[in-house]
Amino acid sequence: MSKQRSAIRGFVFAASVAAAVPAMATAGDLRDINVGMAISSVPDAGYINLTCADEKTTHRLAEWAQWSSCPEGPDQLRGIRFEYDRETAREGTMVAGHPAILTVMIDKDARIAALTIETDPKARLYLRKKAFLLGLQAKSRYGEDGWTCSEAKPGADRLEVGGVFVDEKCTKTIDGRTVEIERHLYREPNKELKDMTDESRITIRRAGS
């Protein structure tokens, strides 16, 4: 059997064992971080590589208290990208078993207005091929009911991967938060399997903002 066929079967297998992947932690929206809380309440211990989430800068912060040194975006929010300290998270920056890119957005009142969790496109293939499952875990975390979803179908520019195709966006408002989940698994024509699109993006915002 070719490596490509083995990989394709891996996708189908991954889709059938979603329940076996670790669930998202339930203490907060992410670890001890909750949307709406004061940024001053987030401990410095356990988090490293705090960086302004602005493509034009690579400004590094020594602590959360320096949040205001990041540039303000068009939405009047300031973003900070961060990672887990391996001293408290031996596997690194992972969410429910998935390598992740994490960003908080802070408003003028020094409160967390939004949190974004994205699967890391640079993760190893054997981890990245399960990235579309993180969105399912997030839906379970915030309750299976009450989601409004839109789904696209396969087309000439977006093809199935091993018989599996995912291109959806779901939203739900719960406990003063609006949760938006995007999941994608497809391959563009004439591209190799390793170059497929396989990702989840979870955005949690204060409802109404």
N, C-alpha and C. Protein backbone atom coordinates (compact mmCIF):
# COMPACT_ATOMS: atom_id res chain seq x y z
N MET A 1 0.85 -1.19 0.00
CA MET A 1 0.00 0.00 0.00
C MET A 1 0.89 1.25 0.00
N SER A 2 0.56 2.25 -0.80
CA SER A 2 1.36 3.46 -0.89
C SER A 2 1.21 4.28 0.38
N LYS A 3 2.20 5.16 0.63
CA LYS A 3 2.13 6.03 1.79
C LYS A 3 0.92 6.94 1.73
N GLN A 4 0.57 7.39 0.49
CA GLN A 4 -0.57 8.30 0.37
C GLN A 4 -1.86 7.59 0.75
N ARG A 5 -2.04 6.33 0.31
CA ARG A 5 -3.26 5.61 0.68
C ARG A 5 -3.31 5.36 2.18
N SER A 6 -2.17 5.07 2.77
CA SER A 6 -2.14 4.87 4.21
C SER A 6 -2.55 6.13 4.94
N ALA A 7 -2.06 7.28 4.43
CA ALA A 7 -2.40 8.55 5.06
C ALA A 7 -3.88 8.84 4.93
N ILE A 8 -4.45 8.55 3.75
CA ILE A 8 -5.88 8.78 3.53
C ILE A 8 -6.70 7.94 4.49
N ARG A 9 -6.31 6.66 4.65
CA ARG A 9 -7.04 5.82 5.60
C ARG A 9 -6.92 6.38 7.01
N GLY A 10 -5.79 7.01 7.27
CA GLY A 10 -5.60 7.62 8.57
C GLY A 10 -6.61 8.71 8.84
N PHE A 11 -6.97 9.47 7.80
CA PHE A 11 -7.98 10.52 7.95
C PHE A 11 -9.33 9.91 8.31
N VAL A 12 -9.71 8.86 7.60
CA VAL A 12 -11.00 8.22 7.85
C VAL A 12 -11.01 7.64 9.25
N PHE A 13 -9.90 7.02 9.64
CA PHE A 13 -9.81 6.47 10.99
C PHE A 13 -9.92 7.56 12.03
N ALA A 14 -9.25 8.70 11.79
CA ALA A 14 -9.29 9.81 12.74
C ALA A 14 -10.71 10.30 12.92
N ALA A 15 -11.46 10.37 11.82
CA ALA A 15 -12.84 10.86 11.89
C ALA A 15 -13.73 9.93 12.70
N SER A 16 -13.38 8.63 12.72
CA SER A 16 -14.22 7.66 13.40
C SER A 16 -13.90 7.52 14.87
N VAL A 17 -12.79 8.10 15.31
CA VAL A 17 -12.39 7.96 16.71
C VAL A 17 -12.31 9.31 17.39
N ALA A 18 -13.13 10.26 16.98
CA ALA A 18 -13.08 11.60 17.57
C ALA A 18 -13.25 11.55 19.08
N ALA A 19 -14.09 10.63 19.54
CA ALA A 19 -14.36 10.55 20.97
C ALA A 19 -13.14 10.12 21.77
N ALA A 20 -12.17 9.52 21.09
CA ALA A 20 -10.98 9.04 21.80
C ALA A 20 -9.94 10.12 22.01
N VAL A 21 -10.10 11.27 21.33
CA VAL A 21 -9.16 12.37 21.48
C VAL A 21 -9.48 13.12 22.76
N PRO A 22 -8.50 13.55 23.54
CA PRO A 22 -8.76 14.21 24.82
C PRO A 22 -9.71 15.39 24.68
N ALA A 23 -10.61 15.54 25.62
CA ALA A 23 -11.57 16.65 25.60
C ALA A 23 -10.90 17.93 26.05
N MET A 24 -11.51 19.07 25.70
CA MET A 24 -10.99 20.35 26.14
C MET A 24 -11.22 20.52 27.64
N ALA A 25 -10.27 21.17 28.29
CA ALA A 25 -10.40 21.43 29.72
C ALA A 25 -11.61 22.32 29.98
N THR A 26 -12.25 22.16 31.13
CA THR A 26 -13.49 22.88 31.40
C THR A 26 -13.34 23.92 32.52
N ALA A 27 -12.12 24.13 33.03
CA ALA A 27 -11.96 25.09 34.13
C ALA A 27 -12.29 26.51 33.67
N GLY A 28 -11.88 26.88 32.48
CA GLY A 28 -12.15 28.20 31.93
C GLY A 28 -12.32 28.05 30.43
N ASP A 29 -12.38 29.20 29.73
CA ASP A 29 -12.42 29.10 28.27
C ASP A 29 -11.12 28.46 27.77
N LEU A 30 -10.04 28.72 28.48
CA LEU A 30 -8.75 28.10 28.18
C LEU A 30 -7.91 28.14 29.45
N ARG A 31 -7.66 26.99 30.01
CA ARG A 31 -6.94 26.93 31.28
C ARG A 31 -7.63 27.85 32.30
N ASP A 32 -6.86 28.83 32.85
CA ASP A 32 -7.44 29.76 33.82
C ASP A 32 -7.81 31.09 33.18
N ILE A 33 -7.97 31.10 31.85
CA ILE A 33 -8.33 32.31 31.12
C ILE A 33 -9.80 32.25 30.73
N ASN A 34 -10.54 33.30 31.08
CA ASN A 34 -11.94 33.43 30.69
C ASN A 34 -12.16 34.75 29.99
N VAL A 35 -12.91 34.72 28.91
CA VAL A 35 -13.27 35.95 28.23
C VAL A 35 -14.09 36.82 29.18
N GLY A 36 -13.73 38.09 29.26
CA GLY A 36 -14.40 39.02 30.16
C GLY A 36 -13.61 39.33 31.41
N MET A 37 -12.64 38.49 31.75
CA MET A 37 -11.87 38.72 32.96
C MET A 37 -10.82 39.81 32.74
N ALA A 38 -10.35 40.39 33.83
CA ALA A 38 -9.28 41.39 33.76
C ALA A 38 -7.97 40.70 33.40
N ILE A 39 -7.20 41.30 32.51
CA ILE A 39 -5.93 40.70 32.12
C ILE A 39 -4.99 40.62 33.33
N SER A 40 -5.19 41.49 34.31
CA SER A 40 -4.35 41.46 35.51
C SER A 40 -4.60 40.21 36.36
N SER A 41 -5.71 39.52 36.09
CA SER A 41 -6.02 38.31 36.85
C SER A 41 -5.37 37.06 36.26
N VAL A 42 -4.78 37.19 35.07
CA VAL A 42 -4.11 36.05 34.44
C VAL A 42 -2.70 35.96 35.02
N PRO A 43 -2.32 34.84 35.59
CA PRO A 43 -0.98 34.74 36.18
C PRO A 43 0.11 34.75 35.12
N ASP A 44 1.26 35.29 35.46
CA ASP A 44 2.39 35.25 34.54
C ASP A 44 3.01 33.86 34.50
N ALA A 45 2.96 33.17 35.62
CA ALA A 45 3.52 31.82 35.68
C ALA A 45 2.72 30.88 34.77
N GLY A 46 3.43 30.08 34.01
CA GLY A 46 2.78 29.11 33.14
C GLY A 46 2.66 29.56 31.70
N TYR A 47 2.97 30.85 31.43
CA TYR A 47 2.86 31.38 30.07
C TYR A 47 4.18 32.02 29.66
N ILE A 48 4.57 31.80 28.42
CA ILE A 48 5.83 32.34 27.91
C ILE A 48 5.63 32.92 26.51
N ASN A 49 6.68 33.58 26.03
CA ASN A 49 6.69 34.11 24.66
C ASN A 49 5.48 34.97 24.35
N LEU A 50 5.17 35.86 25.27
CA LEU A 50 4.09 36.83 25.03
C LEU A 50 4.56 37.82 23.97
N THR A 51 3.81 37.90 22.88
CA THR A 51 4.21 38.73 21.75
C THR A 51 3.00 39.47 21.21
N CYS A 52 3.18 40.72 20.85
CA CYS A 52 2.07 41.47 20.24
C CYS A 52 1.60 40.76 18.98
N ALA A 53 0.31 40.53 18.89
CA ALA A 53 -0.26 39.81 17.75
C ALA A 53 -0.53 40.78 16.61
N ASP A 54 0.55 41.33 16.08
CA ASP A 54 0.46 42.30 15.00
C ASP A 54 1.51 41.93 13.96
N GLU A 55 1.09 41.76 12.72
CA GLU A 55 2.00 41.29 11.69
C GLU A 55 3.15 42.26 11.42
N LYS A 56 2.99 43.51 11.79
CA LYS A 56 4.01 44.51 11.50
C LYS A 56 5.09 44.59 12.59
N THR A 57 4.83 43.95 13.74
CA THR A 57 5.78 44.03 14.83
C THR A 57 6.08 42.64 15.39
N THR A 58 7.18 42.52 16.09
CA THR A 58 7.51 41.28 16.81
C THR A 58 7.86 41.65 18.25
N HIS A 59 7.11 42.59 18.78
CA HIS A 59 7.38 43.13 20.11
C HIS A 59 7.10 42.07 21.18
N ARG A 60 8.09 41.73 21.96
CA ARG A 60 7.97 40.72 23.01
C ARG A 60 7.67 41.40 24.35
N LEU A 61 6.77 40.81 25.12
CA LEU A 61 6.41 41.34 26.43
C LEU A 61 7.00 40.47 27.53
N ALA A 62 7.42 41.10 28.60
CA ALA A 62 7.96 40.35 29.72
C ALA A 62 6.85 39.81 30.62
N GLU A 63 5.68 40.47 30.59
CA GLU A 63 4.56 40.07 31.44
C GLU A 63 3.26 40.61 30.85
N TRP A 64 2.14 40.06 31.32
CA TRP A 64 0.83 40.50 30.82
C TRP A 64 0.60 41.99 31.06
N ALA A 65 1.17 42.52 32.16
CA ALA A 65 0.94 43.91 32.53
C ALA A 65 1.41 44.89 31.46
N GLN A 66 2.22 44.42 30.52
CA GLN A 66 2.71 45.30 29.46
C GLN A 66 1.80 45.30 28.23
N TRP A 67 0.59 44.80 28.37
CA TRP A 67 -0.35 44.66 27.25
C TRP A 67 -0.56 45.95 26.47
N SER A 68 -0.55 47.08 27.17
CA SER A 68 -0.86 48.35 26.51
C SER A 68 0.25 48.82 25.56
N SER A 69 1.41 48.16 25.60
CA SER A 69 2.48 48.51 24.68
C SER A 69 2.26 47.91 23.29
N CYS A 70 1.29 47.02 23.16
CA CYS A 70 0.95 46.46 21.84
C CYS A 70 0.07 47.45 21.07
N PRO A 71 0.20 47.47 19.76
CA PRO A 71 -0.60 48.42 18.97
C PRO A 71 -2.08 48.09 19.00
N GLU A 72 -2.89 49.11 18.93
CA GLU A 72 -4.34 48.96 18.90
C GLU A 72 -4.80 48.72 17.48
N GLY A 73 -5.67 47.74 17.30
CA GLY A 73 -6.18 47.43 15.97
C GLY A 73 -7.39 48.28 15.62
N PRO A 74 -7.95 48.09 14.42
CA PRO A 74 -9.13 48.85 13.98
C PRO A 74 -10.32 48.66 14.91
N ASP A 75 -10.37 47.52 15.59
CA ASP A 75 -11.46 47.24 16.53
C ASP A 75 -11.18 47.78 17.92
N GLN A 76 -10.08 48.54 18.05
CA GLN A 76 -9.67 49.15 19.32
C GLN A 76 -9.25 48.11 20.35
N LEU A 77 -8.87 46.94 19.89
CA LEU A 77 -8.38 45.88 20.77
C LEU A 77 -6.89 45.68 20.53
N ARG A 78 -6.20 45.21 21.56
CA ARG A 78 -4.78 44.92 21.47
C ARG A 78 -4.59 43.41 21.65
N GLY A 79 -3.87 42.79 20.72
CA GLY A 79 -3.71 41.35 20.75
C GLY A 79 -2.37 40.90 21.29
N ILE A 80 -2.40 39.80 22.05
CA ILE A 80 -1.17 39.18 22.55
C ILE A 80 -1.22 37.70 22.22
N ARG A 81 -0.20 37.24 21.52
CA ARG A 81 -0.04 35.80 21.24
C ARG A 81 0.84 35.23 22.34
N PHE A 82 0.54 34.00 22.76
CA PHE A 82 1.28 33.43 23.88
C PHE A 82 1.40 31.92 23.75
N GLU A 83 2.30 31.36 24.55
CA GLU A 83 2.53 29.92 24.56
C GLU A 83 2.53 29.41 25.99
N TYR A 84 2.42 28.10 26.15
CA TYR A 84 2.50 27.49 27.46
C TYR A 84 3.97 27.25 27.82
N ASP A 85 4.29 27.46 29.07
CA ASP A 85 5.61 27.15 29.58
C ASP A 85 5.72 25.63 29.74
N ARG A 86 6.77 25.04 29.21
CA ARG A 86 6.93 23.60 29.28
C ARG A 86 7.13 23.11 30.72
N GLU A 87 7.43 24.00 31.62
CA GLU A 87 7.55 23.60 33.02
C GLU A 87 6.19 23.23 33.60
N THR A 88 5.14 23.79 33.02
CA THR A 88 3.78 23.48 33.50
C THR A 88 2.97 22.71 32.45
N ALA A 89 3.49 22.62 31.23
CA ALA A 89 2.83 21.88 30.15
C ALA A 89 3.92 21.16 29.36
N ARG A 90 4.24 19.96 29.74
CA ARG A 90 5.39 19.25 29.19
C ARG A 90 5.31 19.06 27.68
N GLU A 91 4.10 18.97 27.15
CA GLU A 91 3.94 18.76 25.71
C GLU A 91 3.98 20.06 24.92
N GLY A 92 4.10 21.17 25.61
CA GLY A 92 4.13 22.45 24.92
C GLY A 92 2.74 23.05 24.78
N THR A 93 2.58 23.92 23.79
CA THR A 93 1.32 24.64 23.62
C THR A 93 0.34 23.78 22.83
N MET A 94 -0.43 23.01 23.58
CA MET A 94 -1.42 22.11 22.97
C MET A 94 -2.76 22.31 23.66
N VAL A 95 -3.83 22.18 22.88
CA VAL A 95 -5.19 22.26 23.41
C VAL A 95 -5.91 20.98 23.01
N ALA A 96 -6.32 20.21 24.00
CA ALA A 96 -7.00 18.95 23.76
C ALA A 96 -6.21 18.03 22.82
N GLY A 97 -4.89 18.04 22.99
CA GLY A 97 -4.04 17.16 22.19
C GLY A 97 -3.62 17.72 20.86
N HIS A 98 -3.99 18.95 20.55
CA HIS A 98 -3.66 19.57 19.27
C HIS A 98 -2.67 20.73 19.46
N PRO A 99 -1.56 20.75 18.73
CA PRO A 99 -0.68 21.93 18.77
C PRO A 99 -1.48 23.16 18.34
N ALA A 100 -1.33 24.25 19.10
CA ALA A 100 -2.22 25.39 18.88
C ALA A 100 -1.49 26.73 18.92
N ILE A 101 -2.09 27.70 18.25
CA ILE A 101 -1.67 29.09 18.29
C ILE A 101 -2.73 29.84 19.08
N LEU A 102 -2.32 30.53 20.14
CA LEU A 102 -3.26 31.14 21.08
C LEU A 102 -3.11 32.66 21.09
N THR A 103 -4.24 33.36 21.10
CA THR A 103 -4.23 34.82 21.10
C THR A 103 -5.35 35.36 21.98
N VAL A 104 -5.02 36.34 22.82
CA VAL A 104 -6.07 37.07 23.55
C VAL A 104 -6.14 38.49 23.02
N MET A 105 -7.33 39.05 22.99
CA MET A 105 -7.55 40.43 22.58
C MET A 105 -8.04 41.21 23.80
N ILE A 106 -7.41 42.33 24.06
CA ILE A 106 -7.66 43.09 25.29
C ILE A 106 -8.25 44.46 24.96
N ASP A 107 -9.29 44.85 25.68
CA ASP A 107 -9.95 46.13 25.40
C ASP A 107 -9.34 47.26 26.23
N LYS A 108 -9.86 48.46 26.05
CA LYS A 108 -9.30 49.65 26.71
C LYS A 108 -9.46 49.60 28.22
N ASP A 109 -10.36 48.75 28.70
CA ASP A 109 -10.56 48.62 30.14
C ASP A 109 -9.70 47.50 30.74
N ALA A 110 -8.75 47.00 29.94
CA ALA A 110 -7.81 45.96 30.37
C ALA A 110 -8.52 44.64 30.68
N ARG A 111 -9.57 44.37 29.91
CA ARG A 111 -10.28 43.09 30.04
C ARG A 111 -10.15 42.29 28.74
N ILE A 112 -10.22 40.99 28.88
CA ILE A 112 -10.11 40.11 27.71
C ILE A 112 -11.43 40.15 26.96
N ALA A 113 -11.39 40.70 25.76
CA ALA A 113 -12.60 40.82 24.94
C ALA A 113 -12.80 39.60 24.06
N ALA A 114 -11.71 38.90 23.74
CA ALA A 114 -11.81 37.74 22.85
C ALA A 114 -10.60 36.83 23.05
N LEU A 115 -10.80 35.57 22.71
CA LEU A 115 -9.76 34.56 22.77
C LEU A 115 -9.86 33.72 21.51
N THR A 116 -8.72 33.50 20.86
CA THR A 116 -8.70 32.69 19.65
C THR A 116 -7.77 31.49 19.82
N ILE A 117 -8.25 30.33 19.46
CA ILE A 117 -7.48 29.09 19.49
C ILE A 117 -7.45 28.55 18.06
N GLU A 118 -6.27 28.46 17.47
CA GLU A 118 -6.12 27.97 16.11
C GLU A 118 -5.18 26.76 16.09
N THR A 119 -5.51 25.75 15.33
CA THR A 119 -4.57 24.65 15.18
C THR A 119 -3.34 25.13 14.42
N ASP A 120 -2.19 24.61 14.80
CA ASP A 120 -0.92 25.07 14.25
C ASP A 120 -0.66 24.42 12.89
N PRO A 121 -0.60 25.20 11.80
CA PRO A 121 -0.37 24.62 10.47
C PRO A 121 1.04 24.06 10.31
N LYS A 122 1.93 24.37 11.24
CA LYS A 122 3.30 23.87 11.16
C LYS A 122 3.52 22.61 11.99
N ALA A 123 2.45 22.08 12.55
CA ALA A 123 2.57 20.86 13.34
C ALA A 123 2.93 19.68 12.44
N ARG A 124 3.47 18.64 13.04
CA ARG A 124 3.80 17.44 12.28
C ARG A 124 2.55 16.86 11.64
N LEU A 125 2.71 16.24 10.49
CA LEU A 125 1.56 15.77 9.72
C LEU A 125 0.68 14.83 10.52
N TYR A 126 1.26 13.93 11.31
CA TYR A 126 0.44 12.96 12.03
C TYR A 126 -0.45 13.63 13.08
N LEU A 127 -0.07 14.84 13.54
CA LEU A 127 -0.93 15.62 14.42
C LEU A 127 -1.84 16.55 13.63
N ARG A 128 -1.29 17.15 12.58
CA ARG A 128 -2.06 18.12 11.80
C ARG A 128 -3.24 17.47 11.09
N LYS A 129 -3.13 16.19 10.74
CA LYS A 129 -4.22 15.56 10.00
C LYS A 129 -5.47 15.38 10.85
N LYS A 130 -5.36 15.59 12.16
CA LYS A 130 -6.52 15.51 13.05
C LYS A 130 -7.05 16.89 13.44
N ALA A 131 -6.48 17.94 12.86
CA ALA A 131 -6.79 19.30 13.31
C ALA A 131 -8.28 19.62 13.22
N PHE A 132 -8.97 19.09 12.22
CA PHE A 132 -10.39 19.40 12.05
C PHE A 132 -11.24 18.86 13.19
N LEU A 133 -10.68 17.94 13.99
CA LEU A 133 -11.42 17.37 15.10
C LEU A 133 -11.49 18.30 16.31
N LEU A 134 -10.56 19.25 16.42
CA LEU A 134 -10.58 20.14 17.58
C LEU A 134 -11.88 20.92 17.65
N GLY A 135 -12.41 21.32 16.50
CA GLY A 135 -13.69 22.03 16.50
C GLY A 135 -14.82 21.21 17.10
N LEU A 136 -14.81 19.89 16.85
CA LEU A 136 -15.82 19.02 17.44
C LEU A 136 -15.68 18.98 18.95
N GLN A 137 -14.46 18.94 19.42
CA GLN A 137 -14.22 18.93 20.86
C GLN A 137 -14.70 20.22 21.50
N ALA A 138 -14.51 21.34 20.81
CA ALA A 138 -14.97 22.62 21.32
C ALA A 138 -16.50 22.66 21.38
N LYS A 139 -17.15 22.12 20.37
CA LYS A 139 -18.61 22.09 20.38
C LYS A 139 -19.13 21.29 21.56
N SER A 140 -18.45 20.19 21.84
CA SER A 140 -18.84 19.38 22.99
C SER A 140 -18.61 20.14 24.29
N ARG A 141 -17.51 20.89 24.34
CA ARG A 141 -17.17 21.67 25.54
C ARG A 141 -18.26 22.68 25.88
N TYR A 142 -18.85 23.31 24.86
CA TYR A 142 -19.87 24.34 25.09
C TYR A 142 -21.29 23.82 24.90
N GLY A 143 -21.44 22.50 24.76
CA GLY A 143 -22.76 21.90 24.65
C GLY A 143 -23.15 21.63 23.21
N GLU A 144 -23.67 20.47 22.94
CA GLU A 144 -23.97 20.05 21.57
C GLU A 144 -25.14 20.81 20.95
N ASP A 145 -26.06 21.31 21.75
CA ASP A 145 -27.27 21.94 21.23
C ASP A 145 -27.11 23.45 21.09
N GLY A 146 -27.96 24.04 20.23
CA GLY A 146 -28.04 25.49 20.12
C GLY A 146 -27.10 26.13 19.13
N TRP A 147 -26.40 25.35 18.33
CA TRP A 147 -25.47 25.90 17.35
C TRP A 147 -26.19 26.26 16.06
N THR A 148 -25.78 27.35 15.44
CA THR A 148 -26.23 27.72 14.10
C THR A 148 -25.05 27.50 13.17
N CYS A 149 -25.22 26.60 12.21
CA CYS A 149 -24.09 26.20 11.37
C CYS A 149 -24.38 26.39 9.88
N SER A 150 -23.34 26.68 9.14
CA SER A 150 -23.42 26.70 7.68
C SER A 150 -22.32 25.78 7.15
N GLU A 151 -22.66 25.02 6.11
CA GLU A 151 -21.72 24.05 5.55
C GLU A 151 -21.62 24.20 4.05
N ALA A 152 -20.40 24.11 3.55
CA ALA A 152 -20.19 24.10 2.10
C ALA A 152 -20.02 22.64 1.65
N LYS A 153 -20.22 22.43 0.36
CA LYS A 153 -20.08 21.10 -0.22
C LYS A 153 -18.82 21.02 -1.07
N PRO A 154 -18.34 19.82 -1.32
CA PRO A 154 -17.17 19.70 -2.21
C PRO A 154 -17.45 20.31 -3.58
N GLY A 155 -16.42 20.83 -4.21
CA GLY A 155 -16.55 21.42 -5.54
C GLY A 155 -15.30 21.20 -6.33
N ALA A 156 -15.22 21.84 -7.48
CA ALA A 156 -14.07 21.66 -8.36
C ALA A 156 -12.78 22.17 -7.73
N ASP A 157 -12.91 23.17 -6.86
CA ASP A 157 -11.72 23.77 -6.25
C ASP A 157 -11.41 23.23 -4.86
N ARG A 158 -12.35 22.44 -4.30
CA ARG A 158 -12.16 21.86 -2.98
C ARG A 158 -12.65 20.42 -3.00
N LEU A 159 -11.73 19.49 -2.78
CA LEU A 159 -12.03 18.08 -2.93
C LEU A 159 -11.99 17.36 -1.59
N GLU A 160 -12.63 16.21 -1.54
CA GLU A 160 -12.60 15.36 -0.36
C GLU A 160 -11.19 14.84 -0.10
N VAL A 161 -10.93 14.50 1.13
CA VAL A 161 -9.67 13.85 1.51
C VAL A 161 -10.02 12.48 2.07
N GLY A 162 -9.74 11.44 1.30
CA GLY A 162 -10.07 10.09 1.75
C GLY A 162 -11.54 9.90 2.04
N GLY A 163 -12.39 10.56 1.25
CA GLY A 163 -13.83 10.43 1.43
C GLY A 163 -14.41 11.35 2.49
N VAL A 164 -13.57 12.20 3.09
CA VAL A 164 -14.03 13.11 4.14
C VAL A 164 -13.88 14.55 3.65
N PHE A 165 -14.93 15.35 3.86
CA PHE A 165 -14.91 16.76 3.47
C PHE A 165 -15.57 17.57 4.58
N VAL A 166 -14.88 18.59 5.07
CA VAL A 166 -15.42 19.45 6.12
C VAL A 166 -15.13 20.90 5.74
N ASP A 167 -16.16 21.70 5.70
CA ASP A 167 -16.01 23.14 5.45
C ASP A 167 -17.21 23.82 6.10
N GLU A 168 -17.10 24.09 7.39
CA GLU A 168 -18.26 24.58 8.13
C GLU A 168 -17.90 25.68 9.11
N LYS A 169 -18.93 26.43 9.47
CA LYS A 169 -18.79 27.49 10.46
C LYS A 169 -20.02 27.44 11.36
N CYS A 170 -19.78 27.38 12.67
CA CYS A 170 -20.87 27.29 13.64
C CYS A 170 -20.73 28.37 14.69
N THR A 171 -21.85 28.91 15.14
CA THR A 171 -21.84 29.93 16.19
C THR A 171 -22.89 29.61 17.25
N LYS A 172 -22.60 30.08 18.45
CA LYS A 172 -23.52 29.86 19.56
C LYS A 172 -23.25 30.92 20.62
N THR A 173 -24.28 31.42 21.24
CA THR A 173 -24.13 32.36 22.35
C THR A 173 -24.53 31.66 23.64
N ILE A 174 -23.60 31.73 24.62
CA ILE A 174 -23.84 31.03 25.89
C ILE A 174 -23.09 31.76 27.00
N ASP A 175 -23.76 31.98 28.11
CA ASP A 175 -23.14 32.58 29.30
C ASP A 175 -22.40 33.88 28.98
N GLY A 176 -23.02 34.73 28.17
CA GLY A 176 -22.41 36.02 27.87
C GLY A 176 -21.28 35.97 26.88
N ARG A 177 -21.12 34.83 26.20
CA ARG A 177 -20.07 34.68 25.21
C ARG A 177 -20.67 34.24 23.87
N THR A 178 -20.06 34.69 22.80
CA THR A 178 -20.39 34.16 21.48
C THR A 178 -19.21 33.30 21.05
N VAL A 179 -19.48 32.04 20.78
CA VAL A 179 -18.46 31.09 20.39
C VAL A 179 -18.61 30.81 18.90
N GLU A 180 -17.53 30.99 18.16
CA GLU A 180 -17.53 30.74 16.71
C GLU A 180 -16.49 29.67 16.41
N ILE A 181 -16.91 28.64 15.72
CA ILE A 181 -16.01 27.52 15.40
C ILE A 181 -15.99 27.31 13.89
N GLU A 182 -14.80 27.33 13.34
CA GLU A 182 -14.61 27.03 11.92
C GLU A 182 -13.79 25.76 11.81
N ARG A 183 -14.23 24.85 10.92
CA ARG A 183 -13.50 23.59 10.69
C ARG A 183 -13.36 23.37 9.19
N HIS A 184 -12.17 22.96 8.80
CA HIS A 184 -11.91 22.74 7.38
C HIS A 184 -11.07 21.48 7.17
N LEU A 185 -11.49 20.66 6.24
CA LEU A 185 -10.68 19.54 5.79
C LEU A 185 -11.00 19.32 4.31
N TYR A 186 -10.07 19.69 3.45
CA TYR A 186 -10.25 19.48 2.01
C TYR A 186 -8.90 19.61 1.32
N ARG A 187 -8.87 19.23 0.06
CA ARG A 187 -7.65 19.31 -0.73
C ARG A 187 -7.95 20.03 -2.03
N GLU A 188 -7.07 20.94 -2.40
CA GLU A 188 -7.22 21.62 -3.68
C GLU A 188 -6.69 20.73 -4.80
N PRO A 189 -7.26 20.83 -6.00
CA PRO A 189 -6.82 19.99 -7.11
C PRO A 189 -5.32 20.16 -7.39
N ASN A 190 -4.70 19.08 -7.80
CA ASN A 190 -3.28 19.08 -8.20
C ASN A 190 -2.32 19.36 -7.06
N LYS A 191 -2.82 19.29 -5.82
CA LYS A 191 -1.93 19.43 -4.67
C LYS A 191 -1.76 18.08 -3.98
N GLU A 192 -0.59 17.88 -3.40
CA GLU A 192 -0.33 16.63 -2.70
C GLU A 192 -1.13 16.59 -1.40
N LEU A 193 -1.30 15.37 -0.90
CA LEU A 193 -2.08 15.19 0.31
C LEU A 193 -1.51 15.98 1.48
N LYS A 194 -0.19 16.04 1.57
CA LYS A 194 0.44 16.74 2.69
C LYS A 194 0.16 18.25 2.66
N ASP A 195 -0.30 18.75 1.52
CA ASP A 195 -0.60 20.18 1.39
C ASP A 195 -2.08 20.49 1.52
N MET A 196 -2.83 19.52 2.08
CA MET A 196 -4.27 19.74 2.24
C MET A 196 -4.54 20.83 3.27
N THR A 197 -5.76 21.35 3.27
CA THR A 197 -6.21 22.27 4.31
C THR A 197 -6.90 21.45 5.39
N ASP A 198 -6.36 21.51 6.59
CA ASP A 198 -6.90 20.74 7.72
C ASP A 198 -6.71 21.60 8.96
N GLU A 199 -7.80 22.18 9.46
CA GLU A 199 -7.65 23.16 10.54
C GLU A 199 -8.95 23.37 11.30
N SER A 200 -8.80 23.88 12.51
CA SER A 200 -9.90 24.37 13.33
C SER A 200 -9.52 25.75 13.85
N ARG A 201 -10.50 26.60 13.96
CA ARG A 201 -10.29 27.94 14.55
C ARG A 201 -11.48 28.21 15.47
N ILE A 202 -11.18 28.48 16.72
CA ILE A 202 -12.21 28.72 17.73
C ILE A 202 -12.04 30.15 18.25
N THR A 203 -13.07 30.96 18.12
CA THR A 203 -13.03 32.33 18.61
C THR A 203 -14.13 32.52 19.63
N ILE A 204 -13.75 33.00 20.80
CA ILE A 204 -14.72 33.23 21.89
C ILE A 204 -14.71 34.73 22.19
N ARG A 205 -15.86 35.36 22.05
CA ARG A 205 -15.96 36.81 22.27
C ARG A 205 -17.05 37.09 23.32
N ARG A 206 -16.94 38.25 23.92
CA ARG A 206 -18.05 38.70 24.75
C ARG A 206 -19.26 38.90 23.85
N ALA A 207 -20.39 38.42 24.26
CA ALA A 207 -21.60 38.55 23.44
C ALA A 207 -21.91 40.02 23.21
N GLY A 208 -22.17 40.36 21.94
CA GLY A 208 -22.50 41.73 21.60
C GLY A 208 -21.32 42.57 21.21
N SER A 209 -20.11 42.05 21.36
CA SER A 209 -18.92 42.84 21.01
C SER A 209 -18.38 42.45 19.67
